[in-house]
């Protein structure tokens, strides 16, 4: 798939068919994700691949428990039903104070790689500065050491839905040259 087609066509997929994703495909997606940029080329990522139904259920329960009030309509059902969930973690000592950025960049790259292979995903955060208990509980659930911070939760699966085309703001409303100049 051409890059511009992948960038324009990727959508958040929250419903998956009951078809497994081969381990070789998951490994290939992680291989592509590890080519993402990282602060000072620290490559601080660790990828936890979850297929176990009990762990997925516990993870979904945690996400639902810590879901902000303004997002309660988004239950973590997609975690329970996805054939594979990948938790992208970042090692503190290798992140050069860029935990979030490093994790999100790898997550975005993995999502695009998955989309190019016909696999859907939806971005979910494991790291909430204002609610550190969520990451701590995910660390405990996955037996992560304290220096390894979970950043991104990515349910993956073959889509069982076709989301509508995304409505985008007009380009002229988001591009400024040299400095921000608000229209009067």
N, C-alpha and C. Protein backbone atom coordinates (compact mmCIF):
# COMPACT_ATOMS: atom_id res chain seq x y z
N UNK A 1 0.85 -1.18 0.00
CA UNK A 1 0.00 0.00 0.00
C UNK A 1 0.89 1.24 0.00
N UNK A 2 0.57 2.18 -0.86
CA UNK A 2 1.31 3.45 -0.92
C UNK A 2 1.13 4.20 0.40
N UNK A 3 2.18 4.92 0.82
CA UNK A 3 2.14 5.62 2.10
C UNK A 3 1.02 6.64 2.18
N UNK A 4 0.82 7.43 1.11
CA UNK A 4 -0.24 8.45 1.18
C UNK A 4 -1.62 7.81 1.29
N UNK A 5 -1.81 6.66 0.68
CA UNK A 5 -3.09 5.95 0.79
C UNK A 5 -3.27 5.44 2.22
N UNK A 6 -2.21 4.90 2.80
CA UNK A 6 -2.28 4.42 4.19
C UNK A 6 -2.58 5.56 5.14
N UNK A 7 -1.91 6.70 4.95
CA UNK A 7 -2.12 7.84 5.84
C UNK A 7 -3.55 8.38 5.73
N UNK A 8 -4.07 8.43 4.52
CA UNK A 8 -5.43 8.97 4.34
C UNK A 8 -6.52 7.96 4.71
N UNK A 9 -6.21 6.69 4.63
CA UNK A 9 -7.24 5.67 4.81
C UNK A 9 -7.34 5.05 6.19
N UNK A 10 -6.34 5.23 7.04
CA UNK A 10 -6.38 4.61 8.36
C UNK A 10 -7.50 5.20 9.21
N UNK A 11 -8.25 4.35 9.85
CA UNK A 11 -9.33 4.77 10.75
C UNK A 11 -9.21 3.98 12.05
N UNK A 12 -9.79 4.49 13.09
CA UNK A 12 -9.85 3.75 14.36
C UNK A 12 -10.86 2.62 14.20
N UNK A 13 -10.39 1.41 14.41
CA UNK A 13 -11.24 0.22 14.29
C UNK A 13 -11.45 -0.35 15.69
N UNK A 14 -12.72 -0.46 16.08
CA UNK A 14 -13.06 -0.92 17.43
C UNK A 14 -13.79 -2.27 17.44
N UNK A 15 -14.05 -2.81 16.26
CA UNK A 15 -14.75 -4.08 16.16
C UNK A 15 -13.96 -4.99 15.21
N UNK A 16 -13.70 -6.22 15.67
CA UNK A 16 -12.82 -7.12 14.94
C UNK A 16 -13.50 -8.45 14.64
N UNK A 17 -13.13 -9.03 13.50
CA UNK A 17 -13.61 -10.38 13.16
C UNK A 17 -12.87 -11.38 14.05
N UNK A 18 -13.46 -12.52 14.22
CA UNK A 18 -12.88 -13.56 15.06
C UNK A 18 -11.86 -14.38 14.25
N UNK A 19 -10.81 -13.70 13.83
CA UNK A 19 -9.75 -14.32 13.05
C UNK A 19 -8.43 -13.98 13.72
N UNK A 20 -7.61 -14.98 13.97
CA UNK A 20 -6.33 -14.75 14.63
C UNK A 20 -5.35 -14.03 13.70
N UNK A 21 -4.43 -13.32 14.28
CA UNK A 21 -3.34 -12.69 13.53
C UNK A 21 -2.11 -13.57 13.74
N UNK A 22 -1.52 -14.09 12.66
CA UNK A 22 -0.36 -14.97 12.81
C UNK A 22 0.79 -14.28 13.57
N UNK A 23 1.50 -15.07 14.35
CA UNK A 23 2.63 -14.54 15.13
C UNK A 23 3.66 -13.87 14.23
N UNK A 24 3.88 -14.44 13.04
CA UNK A 24 4.86 -13.85 12.12
C UNK A 24 4.43 -12.45 11.68
N UNK A 25 3.13 -12.23 11.53
CA UNK A 25 2.63 -10.90 11.15
C UNK A 25 2.82 -9.93 12.30
N UNK A 26 2.51 -10.36 13.52
CA UNK A 26 2.71 -9.50 14.70
C UNK A 26 4.18 -9.12 14.83
N UNK A 27 5.06 -10.09 14.64
CA UNK A 27 6.50 -9.82 14.72
C UNK A 27 6.92 -8.82 13.64
N UNK A 28 6.38 -8.97 12.45
CA UNK A 28 6.71 -8.04 11.36
C UNK A 28 6.23 -6.62 11.69
N UNK A 29 5.04 -6.49 12.28
CA UNK A 29 4.54 -5.17 12.67
C UNK A 29 5.45 -4.52 13.71
N UNK A 30 5.88 -5.31 14.68
CA UNK A 30 6.78 -4.77 15.71
C UNK A 30 8.13 -4.40 15.09
N UNK A 31 8.59 -5.20 14.15
CA UNK A 31 9.84 -4.87 13.46
C UNK A 31 9.72 -3.52 12.76
N UNK A 32 8.59 -3.26 12.12
CA UNK A 32 8.39 -1.98 11.45
C UNK A 32 8.26 -0.84 12.46
N UNK A 33 7.60 -1.10 13.58
CA UNK A 33 7.42 -0.06 14.61
C UNK A 33 8.75 0.35 15.22
N UNK A 34 9.69 -0.58 15.33
CA UNK A 34 10.96 -0.24 15.97
C UNK A 34 11.85 0.65 15.10
N UNK A 35 11.40 0.91 13.89
CA UNK A 35 12.10 1.86 13.02
C UNK A 35 11.61 3.29 13.24
N UNK A 36 10.70 3.47 14.17
CA UNK A 36 10.19 4.82 14.47
C UNK A 36 11.30 5.69 15.03
N UNK A 37 11.18 7.00 14.88
CA UNK A 37 12.16 7.87 15.52
C UNK A 37 12.03 7.77 17.04
N UNK A 38 13.14 7.99 17.72
CA UNK A 38 13.13 8.03 19.19
C UNK A 38 14.14 9.07 19.65
N UNK A 39 13.90 9.61 20.81
CA UNK A 39 14.78 10.64 21.35
C UNK A 39 16.21 10.12 21.44
N UNK A 40 17.12 10.83 20.80
CA UNK A 40 18.54 10.50 20.78
C UNK A 40 18.80 9.05 20.37
N UNK A 41 17.91 8.52 19.53
CA UNK A 41 17.99 7.14 19.04
C UNK A 41 18.10 6.13 20.19
N UNK A 42 17.42 6.43 21.29
CA UNK A 42 17.46 5.55 22.46
C UNK A 42 16.77 4.21 22.25
N UNK A 43 15.84 4.15 21.29
CA UNK A 43 15.10 2.92 20.99
C UNK A 43 14.64 2.25 22.29
N UNK A 44 13.88 2.98 23.12
CA UNK A 44 13.57 2.50 24.47
C UNK A 44 12.39 1.54 24.56
N UNK A 45 11.90 1.04 23.43
CA UNK A 45 10.63 0.33 23.41
C UNK A 45 10.74 -1.11 23.88
N UNK A 46 9.66 -1.55 24.48
CA UNK A 46 9.39 -2.96 24.76
C UNK A 46 7.94 -3.19 24.32
N UNK A 47 7.69 -4.28 23.66
CA UNK A 47 6.36 -4.57 23.13
C UNK A 47 5.82 -5.83 23.81
N UNK A 48 4.74 -5.67 24.55
CA UNK A 48 4.11 -6.81 25.22
C UNK A 48 2.93 -7.25 24.34
N UNK A 49 3.01 -8.47 23.81
CA UNK A 49 1.96 -9.01 22.94
C UNK A 49 1.03 -9.85 23.80
N UNK A 50 -0.23 -9.46 23.84
CA UNK A 50 -1.21 -10.14 24.69
C UNK A 50 -2.24 -10.85 23.83
N UNK A 51 -2.36 -12.15 24.06
CA UNK A 51 -3.39 -12.97 23.42
C UNK A 51 -4.29 -13.62 24.48
N UNK A 52 -3.81 -13.69 25.70
CA UNK A 52 -4.53 -14.34 26.79
C UNK A 52 -5.83 -13.59 27.11
N UNK A 53 -6.96 -14.31 27.06
CA UNK A 53 -8.28 -13.69 27.27
C UNK A 53 -8.43 -13.10 28.67
N UNK A 54 -7.88 -13.75 29.67
CA UNK A 54 -8.00 -13.26 31.05
C UNK A 54 -7.24 -11.95 31.21
N UNK A 55 -6.04 -11.88 30.67
CA UNK A 55 -5.26 -10.64 30.76
C UNK A 55 -5.95 -9.52 29.98
N UNK A 56 -6.48 -9.84 28.80
CA UNK A 56 -7.21 -8.82 28.02
C UNK A 56 -8.41 -8.31 28.81
N UNK A 57 -9.13 -9.20 29.46
CA UNK A 57 -10.28 -8.81 30.27
C UNK A 57 -9.85 -7.89 31.42
N UNK A 58 -8.78 -8.25 32.10
CA UNK A 58 -8.29 -7.44 33.22
C UNK A 58 -7.82 -6.06 32.74
N UNK A 59 -7.17 -6.04 31.61
CA UNK A 59 -6.71 -4.77 31.04
C UNK A 59 -7.90 -3.90 30.65
N UNK A 60 -8.90 -4.49 30.04
CA UNK A 60 -10.11 -3.74 29.66
C UNK A 60 -10.81 -3.20 30.91
N UNK A 61 -10.88 -4.00 31.95
CA UNK A 61 -11.50 -3.54 33.20
C UNK A 61 -10.76 -2.33 33.76
N UNK A 62 -9.43 -2.36 33.71
CA UNK A 62 -8.63 -1.22 34.18
C UNK A 62 -8.90 0.02 33.33
N UNK A 63 -8.93 -0.15 32.02
CA UNK A 63 -9.18 0.99 31.14
C UNK A 63 -10.57 1.58 31.42
N UNK A 64 -11.56 0.73 31.63
CA UNK A 64 -12.91 1.22 31.94
C UNK A 64 -12.93 1.95 33.28
N UNK A 65 -12.23 1.41 34.26
CA UNK A 65 -12.21 2.00 35.60
C UNK A 65 -11.61 3.41 35.58
N UNK A 66 -10.55 3.60 34.79
CA UNK A 66 -9.85 4.88 34.76
C UNK A 66 -10.24 5.76 33.58
N UNK A 67 -11.30 5.40 32.90
CA UNK A 67 -11.75 6.20 31.76
C UNK A 67 -12.27 7.55 32.24
N UNK A 68 -11.80 8.65 31.65
CA UNK A 68 -12.30 9.98 32.03
C UNK A 68 -13.80 10.09 31.75
N UNK A 69 -14.47 10.88 32.56
CA UNK A 69 -15.92 11.03 32.44
C UNK A 69 -16.37 11.42 31.04
N UNK A 70 -15.60 12.27 30.37
CA UNK A 70 -16.00 12.74 29.03
C UNK A 70 -15.80 11.69 27.94
N UNK A 71 -15.28 10.51 28.31
CA UNK A 71 -15.07 9.44 27.32
C UNK A 71 -15.75 8.13 27.73
N UNK A 72 -16.67 8.20 28.66
CA UNK A 72 -17.30 6.98 29.19
C UNK A 72 -18.05 6.18 28.12
N UNK A 73 -18.46 6.83 27.02
CA UNK A 73 -19.17 6.10 25.97
C UNK A 73 -18.24 5.12 25.25
N UNK A 74 -16.93 5.29 25.43
CA UNK A 74 -15.96 4.40 24.78
C UNK A 74 -15.52 3.32 25.77
N UNK A 75 -16.32 2.31 25.93
CA UNK A 75 -15.94 1.19 26.78
C UNK A 75 -14.79 0.44 26.11
N UNK A 76 -14.02 -0.26 26.90
CA UNK A 76 -12.83 -0.95 26.39
C UNK A 76 -13.16 -2.33 25.83
N UNK A 77 -14.34 -2.46 25.26
CA UNK A 77 -14.76 -3.73 24.66
C UNK A 77 -13.78 -4.20 23.60
N UNK A 78 -13.21 -3.25 22.87
CA UNK A 78 -12.29 -3.64 21.80
C UNK A 78 -11.06 -4.38 22.32
N UNK A 79 -10.66 -4.09 23.57
CA UNK A 79 -9.53 -4.83 24.16
C UNK A 79 -9.94 -6.28 24.41
N UNK A 80 -11.13 -6.46 24.93
CA UNK A 80 -11.63 -7.82 25.23
C UNK A 80 -11.76 -8.66 23.96
N UNK A 81 -12.20 -8.02 22.87
CA UNK A 81 -12.54 -8.76 21.65
C UNK A 81 -11.43 -8.83 20.61
N UNK A 82 -10.38 -8.07 20.77
CA UNK A 82 -9.29 -8.09 19.79
C UNK A 82 -8.51 -9.39 19.89
N UNK A 83 -8.14 -9.98 18.76
CA UNK A 83 -7.31 -11.19 18.81
C UNK A 83 -5.96 -10.94 19.49
N UNK A 84 -5.42 -9.73 19.28
CA UNK A 84 -4.11 -9.37 19.83
C UNK A 84 -4.19 -7.96 20.39
N UNK A 85 -3.57 -7.76 21.53
CA UNK A 85 -3.39 -6.41 22.07
C UNK A 85 -1.90 -6.24 22.31
N UNK A 86 -1.35 -5.15 21.80
CA UNK A 86 0.07 -4.85 22.03
C UNK A 86 0.16 -3.66 22.96
N UNK A 87 0.92 -3.84 24.03
CA UNK A 87 1.22 -2.74 24.94
C UNK A 87 2.61 -2.26 24.59
N UNK A 88 2.71 -0.99 24.20
CA UNK A 88 4.02 -0.41 23.90
C UNK A 88 4.51 0.26 25.17
N UNK A 89 5.64 -0.21 25.64
CA UNK A 89 6.25 0.30 26.86
C UNK A 89 7.55 1.01 26.52
N UNK A 90 7.96 1.89 27.41
CA UNK A 90 9.20 2.63 27.21
C UNK A 90 10.05 2.49 28.46
N UNK A 91 11.32 2.16 28.24
CA UNK A 91 12.27 2.04 29.35
C UNK A 91 12.75 3.44 29.72
N UNK A 92 12.51 3.82 30.97
CA UNK A 92 12.84 5.18 31.43
C UNK A 92 14.30 5.56 31.17
N UNK A 93 15.23 4.64 31.44
CA UNK A 93 16.66 4.94 31.33
C UNK A 93 17.13 5.15 29.89
N UNK A 94 16.31 4.75 28.93
CA UNK A 94 16.70 4.87 27.53
C UNK A 94 15.85 5.89 26.77
N UNK A 95 14.96 6.58 27.49
CA UNK A 95 14.00 7.46 26.82
C UNK A 95 14.43 8.91 26.75
N UNK A 96 15.49 9.28 27.46
CA UNK A 96 15.98 10.66 27.46
C UNK A 96 14.86 11.66 27.78
N UNK A 97 14.11 11.35 28.83
CA UNK A 97 13.01 12.20 29.31
C UNK A 97 11.91 12.41 28.27
N UNK A 98 11.74 11.48 27.37
CA UNK A 98 10.71 11.58 26.34
C UNK A 98 9.87 10.30 26.30
N UNK A 99 9.40 9.89 27.46
CA UNK A 99 8.60 8.65 27.55
C UNK A 99 7.43 8.66 26.57
N UNK A 100 6.58 9.66 26.73
CA UNK A 100 5.35 9.72 25.96
C UNK A 100 5.62 9.81 24.46
N UNK A 101 6.51 10.71 24.08
CA UNK A 101 6.81 10.91 22.66
C UNK A 101 7.33 9.63 22.02
N UNK A 102 8.27 8.96 22.70
CA UNK A 102 8.84 7.74 22.15
C UNK A 102 7.79 6.65 21.97
N UNK A 103 6.93 6.48 22.96
CA UNK A 103 5.90 5.46 22.88
C UNK A 103 4.87 5.75 21.81
N UNK A 104 4.45 7.02 21.72
CA UNK A 104 3.42 7.40 20.75
C UNK A 104 3.95 7.28 19.31
N UNK A 105 5.20 7.65 19.09
CA UNK A 105 5.76 7.52 17.74
C UNK A 105 5.80 6.06 17.29
N UNK A 106 6.21 5.17 18.17
CA UNK A 106 6.22 3.74 17.82
C UNK A 106 4.80 3.23 17.60
N UNK A 107 3.87 3.72 18.42
CA UNK A 107 2.47 3.31 18.27
C UNK A 107 1.88 3.74 16.94
N UNK A 108 2.14 4.98 16.55
CA UNK A 108 1.63 5.47 15.27
C UNK A 108 2.20 4.66 14.11
N UNK A 109 3.48 4.37 14.19
CA UNK A 109 4.11 3.60 13.12
C UNK A 109 3.52 2.18 13.05
N UNK A 110 3.29 1.57 14.21
CA UNK A 110 2.72 0.23 14.23
C UNK A 110 1.30 0.25 13.67
N UNK A 111 0.52 1.28 14.00
CA UNK A 111 -0.85 1.38 13.49
C UNK A 111 -0.87 1.50 11.96
N UNK A 112 0.03 2.30 11.42
CA UNK A 112 0.09 2.45 9.96
C UNK A 112 0.54 1.16 9.28
N UNK A 113 1.52 0.48 9.89
CA UNK A 113 1.98 -0.79 9.34
C UNK A 113 0.85 -1.82 9.35
N UNK A 114 0.09 -1.84 10.44
CA UNK A 114 -1.04 -2.77 10.54
C UNK A 114 -2.09 -2.45 9.47
N UNK A 115 -2.41 -1.18 9.33
CA UNK A 115 -3.40 -0.77 8.33
C UNK A 115 -2.97 -1.21 6.93
N UNK A 116 -1.70 -1.06 6.62
CA UNK A 116 -1.19 -1.44 5.30
C UNK A 116 -1.36 -2.94 5.04
N UNK A 117 -1.48 -3.72 6.11
CA UNK A 117 -1.67 -5.17 5.97
C UNK A 117 -3.12 -5.60 6.17
N UNK A 118 -4.03 -4.61 6.21
CA UNK A 118 -5.45 -4.93 6.36
C UNK A 118 -5.88 -5.21 7.79
N UNK A 119 -5.04 -4.84 8.75
CA UNK A 119 -5.33 -5.06 10.17
C UNK A 119 -5.74 -3.74 10.79
N UNK A 120 -6.84 -3.75 11.52
CA UNK A 120 -7.33 -2.54 12.16
C UNK A 120 -6.78 -2.39 13.57
N UNK A 121 -6.80 -1.15 14.05
CA UNK A 121 -6.33 -0.85 15.40
C UNK A 121 -7.03 0.41 15.89
N UNK A 122 -6.91 0.64 17.17
CA UNK A 122 -7.39 1.89 17.75
C UNK A 122 -6.38 2.30 18.82
N UNK A 123 -6.01 3.57 18.82
CA UNK A 123 -5.02 4.07 19.78
C UNK A 123 -5.69 4.26 21.14
N UNK A 124 -5.07 3.70 22.16
CA UNK A 124 -5.52 3.91 23.54
C UNK A 124 -4.28 4.19 24.38
N UNK A 125 -4.44 5.06 25.35
CA UNK A 125 -3.29 5.40 26.17
C UNK A 125 -3.24 4.56 27.44
N UNK A 126 -2.04 4.21 27.83
CA UNK A 126 -1.82 3.53 29.11
C UNK A 126 -1.22 4.51 30.10
N UNK A 127 -0.80 5.66 29.59
CA UNK A 127 -0.07 6.63 30.41
C UNK A 127 -0.91 7.88 30.54
N UNK A 128 -1.30 8.20 31.75
CA UNK A 128 -2.06 9.42 32.01
C UNK A 128 -1.39 10.15 33.16
N UNK A 129 -0.77 11.25 32.84
CA UNK A 129 -0.04 12.02 33.84
C UNK A 129 -0.92 12.36 35.04
N UNK A 130 -2.19 12.70 34.76
CA UNK A 130 -3.10 13.09 35.83
C UNK A 130 -3.67 11.89 36.59
N UNK A 131 -3.49 10.68 36.07
CA UNK A 131 -3.96 9.46 36.74
C UNK A 131 -2.87 8.39 36.69
N UNK A 132 -1.79 8.56 37.45
CA UNK A 132 -0.69 7.60 37.37
C UNK A 132 -1.06 6.20 37.85
N UNK A 133 -2.18 6.07 38.56
CA UNK A 133 -2.58 4.74 39.04
C UNK A 133 -2.84 3.77 37.89
N UNK A 134 -3.35 4.27 36.76
CA UNK A 134 -3.60 3.40 35.61
C UNK A 134 -2.31 2.72 35.17
N UNK A 135 -1.25 3.49 34.96
CA UNK A 135 0.01 2.87 34.51
C UNK A 135 0.57 1.93 35.57
N UNK A 136 0.46 2.30 36.82
CA UNK A 136 0.97 1.44 37.90
C UNK A 136 0.24 0.09 37.90
N UNK A 137 -1.07 0.15 37.71
CA UNK A 137 -1.85 -1.10 37.72
C UNK A 137 -1.56 -1.94 36.48
N UNK A 138 -1.32 -1.29 35.35
CA UNK A 138 -0.93 -2.04 34.15
C UNK A 138 0.46 -2.64 34.36
N UNK A 139 1.36 -1.89 34.99
CA UNK A 139 2.70 -2.43 35.30
C UNK A 139 2.56 -3.70 36.14
N UNK A 140 1.73 -3.64 37.16
CA UNK A 140 1.53 -4.80 38.04
C UNK A 140 0.92 -5.96 37.27
N UNK A 141 -0.12 -5.69 36.49
CA UNK A 141 -0.80 -6.73 35.72
C UNK A 141 0.18 -7.46 34.80
N UNK A 142 1.08 -6.72 34.18
CA UNK A 142 2.00 -7.30 33.19
C UNK A 142 3.37 -7.64 33.76
N UNK A 143 3.54 -7.50 35.08
CA UNK A 143 4.81 -7.79 35.76
C UNK A 143 5.96 -6.95 35.21
N UNK A 144 5.67 -5.69 34.90
CA UNK A 144 6.71 -4.79 34.38
C UNK A 144 7.53 -4.22 35.54
N UNK A 145 8.84 -4.11 35.36
CA UNK A 145 9.64 -3.44 36.39
C UNK A 145 9.30 -1.95 36.43
N UNK A 146 9.61 -1.30 37.53
CA UNK A 146 9.23 0.10 37.72
C UNK A 146 9.83 1.03 36.67
N UNK A 147 10.99 0.68 36.13
CA UNK A 147 11.63 1.56 35.15
C UNK A 147 11.05 1.40 33.74
N UNK A 148 10.08 0.51 33.58
CA UNK A 148 9.43 0.30 32.29
C UNK A 148 7.99 0.81 32.39
N UNK A 149 7.69 1.84 31.61
CA UNK A 149 6.41 2.54 31.68
C UNK A 149 5.51 2.14 30.51
N UNK A 150 4.30 1.62 30.77
CA UNK A 150 3.38 1.36 29.67
C UNK A 150 2.85 2.69 29.13
N UNK A 151 2.88 2.85 27.81
CA UNK A 151 2.49 4.12 27.20
C UNK A 151 1.26 3.96 26.31
N UNK A 152 1.26 2.95 25.46
CA UNK A 152 0.21 2.79 24.45
C UNK A 152 -0.42 1.40 24.56
N UNK A 153 -1.73 1.35 24.42
CA UNK A 153 -2.48 0.10 24.32
C UNK A 153 -3.05 0.04 22.90
N UNK A 154 -2.67 -1.00 22.15
CA UNK A 154 -3.15 -1.13 20.77
C UNK A 154 -3.86 -2.46 20.55
N UNK A 155 -5.19 -2.46 20.58
CA UNK A 155 -5.92 -3.65 20.14
C UNK A 155 -5.75 -3.79 18.62
N UNK A 156 -5.56 -5.01 18.16
CA UNK A 156 -5.37 -5.27 16.73
C UNK A 156 -6.28 -6.41 16.28
N UNK A 157 -6.82 -6.26 15.08
CA UNK A 157 -7.63 -7.33 14.52
C UNK A 157 -8.08 -6.99 13.11
N UNK A 158 -8.58 -8.00 12.42
CA UNK A 158 -9.13 -7.76 11.09
C UNK A 158 -10.48 -7.08 11.25
N UNK A 159 -10.69 -5.95 10.59
CA UNK A 159 -11.88 -5.12 10.82
C UNK A 159 -13.20 -5.84 10.58
N UNK A 160 -14.13 -5.56 11.48
CA UNK A 160 -15.50 -6.03 11.34
C UNK A 160 -16.42 -4.81 11.21
N UNK A 161 -15.86 -3.73 10.73
CA UNK A 161 -16.62 -2.48 10.54
C UNK A 161 -15.91 -1.66 9.46
N UNK A 162 -16.65 -0.74 8.87
CA UNK A 162 -16.10 0.19 7.88
C UNK A 162 -16.49 1.60 8.32
N UNK A 163 -15.62 2.23 9.09
CA UNK A 163 -15.96 3.59 9.54
C UNK A 163 -16.12 4.55 8.36
N UNK A 164 -16.96 5.54 8.57
CA UNK A 164 -17.19 6.56 7.54
C UNK A 164 -15.91 7.34 7.29
N UNK A 165 -15.89 8.00 6.15
CA UNK A 165 -14.75 8.85 5.82
C UNK A 165 -14.61 9.93 6.89
N UNK A 166 -13.38 10.20 7.27
CA UNK A 166 -13.11 11.19 8.31
C UNK A 166 -13.30 12.59 7.76
N UNK A 167 -14.04 13.40 8.48
CA UNK A 167 -14.20 14.81 8.12
C UNK A 167 -13.00 15.58 8.67
N UNK A 168 -12.32 16.28 7.81
CA UNK A 168 -11.13 17.03 8.21
C UNK A 168 -11.37 18.52 8.11
N UNK A 169 -10.68 19.25 8.96
CA UNK A 169 -10.72 20.71 8.87
C UNK A 169 -10.07 21.12 7.55
N UNK A 170 -10.51 22.22 6.95
CA UNK A 170 -9.86 22.68 5.72
C UNK A 170 -8.39 23.05 5.98
N UNK A 171 -7.54 22.74 5.03
CA UNK A 171 -6.11 23.05 5.18
C UNK A 171 -5.87 24.52 5.50
N UNK A 172 -6.60 25.40 4.83
CA UNK A 172 -6.36 26.83 5.03
C UNK A 172 -6.69 27.28 6.46
N UNK A 173 -7.41 26.46 7.21
CA UNK A 173 -7.73 26.84 8.59
C UNK A 173 -6.67 26.37 9.59
N UNK A 174 -5.68 25.60 9.12
CA UNK A 174 -4.68 25.08 10.05
C UNK A 174 -3.23 25.42 9.67
N UNK A 175 -3.04 26.04 8.52
CA UNK A 175 -1.68 26.38 8.08
C UNK A 175 -1.43 27.87 8.29
N UNK A 176 -0.31 28.17 8.91
CA UNK A 176 0.13 29.55 9.11
C UNK A 176 1.57 29.64 8.63
N UNK A 177 1.96 30.78 8.12
CA UNK A 177 3.32 30.96 7.62
C UNK A 177 4.06 31.96 8.50
N UNK A 178 5.20 31.54 8.94
CA UNK A 178 6.11 32.34 9.76
C UNK A 178 5.63 32.57 11.19
N UNK A 179 4.36 32.82 11.40
CA UNK A 179 3.83 32.99 12.75
C UNK A 179 2.33 32.82 12.72
N UNK A 180 1.78 32.63 13.89
CA UNK A 180 0.33 32.48 14.01
C UNK A 180 -0.33 33.84 13.88
N UNK A 181 -1.23 33.96 12.94
CA UNK A 181 -1.98 35.19 12.74
C UNK A 181 -3.46 34.84 12.75
N UNK A 182 -4.13 35.22 13.79
CA UNK A 182 -5.55 34.92 13.91
C UNK A 182 -6.35 35.83 13.00
N UNK A 183 -7.30 35.24 12.28
CA UNK A 183 -8.16 36.03 11.40
C UNK A 183 -9.07 36.92 12.23
N UNK A 184 -9.34 38.11 11.70
CA UNK A 184 -10.23 39.05 12.41
C UNK A 184 -11.63 38.90 11.91
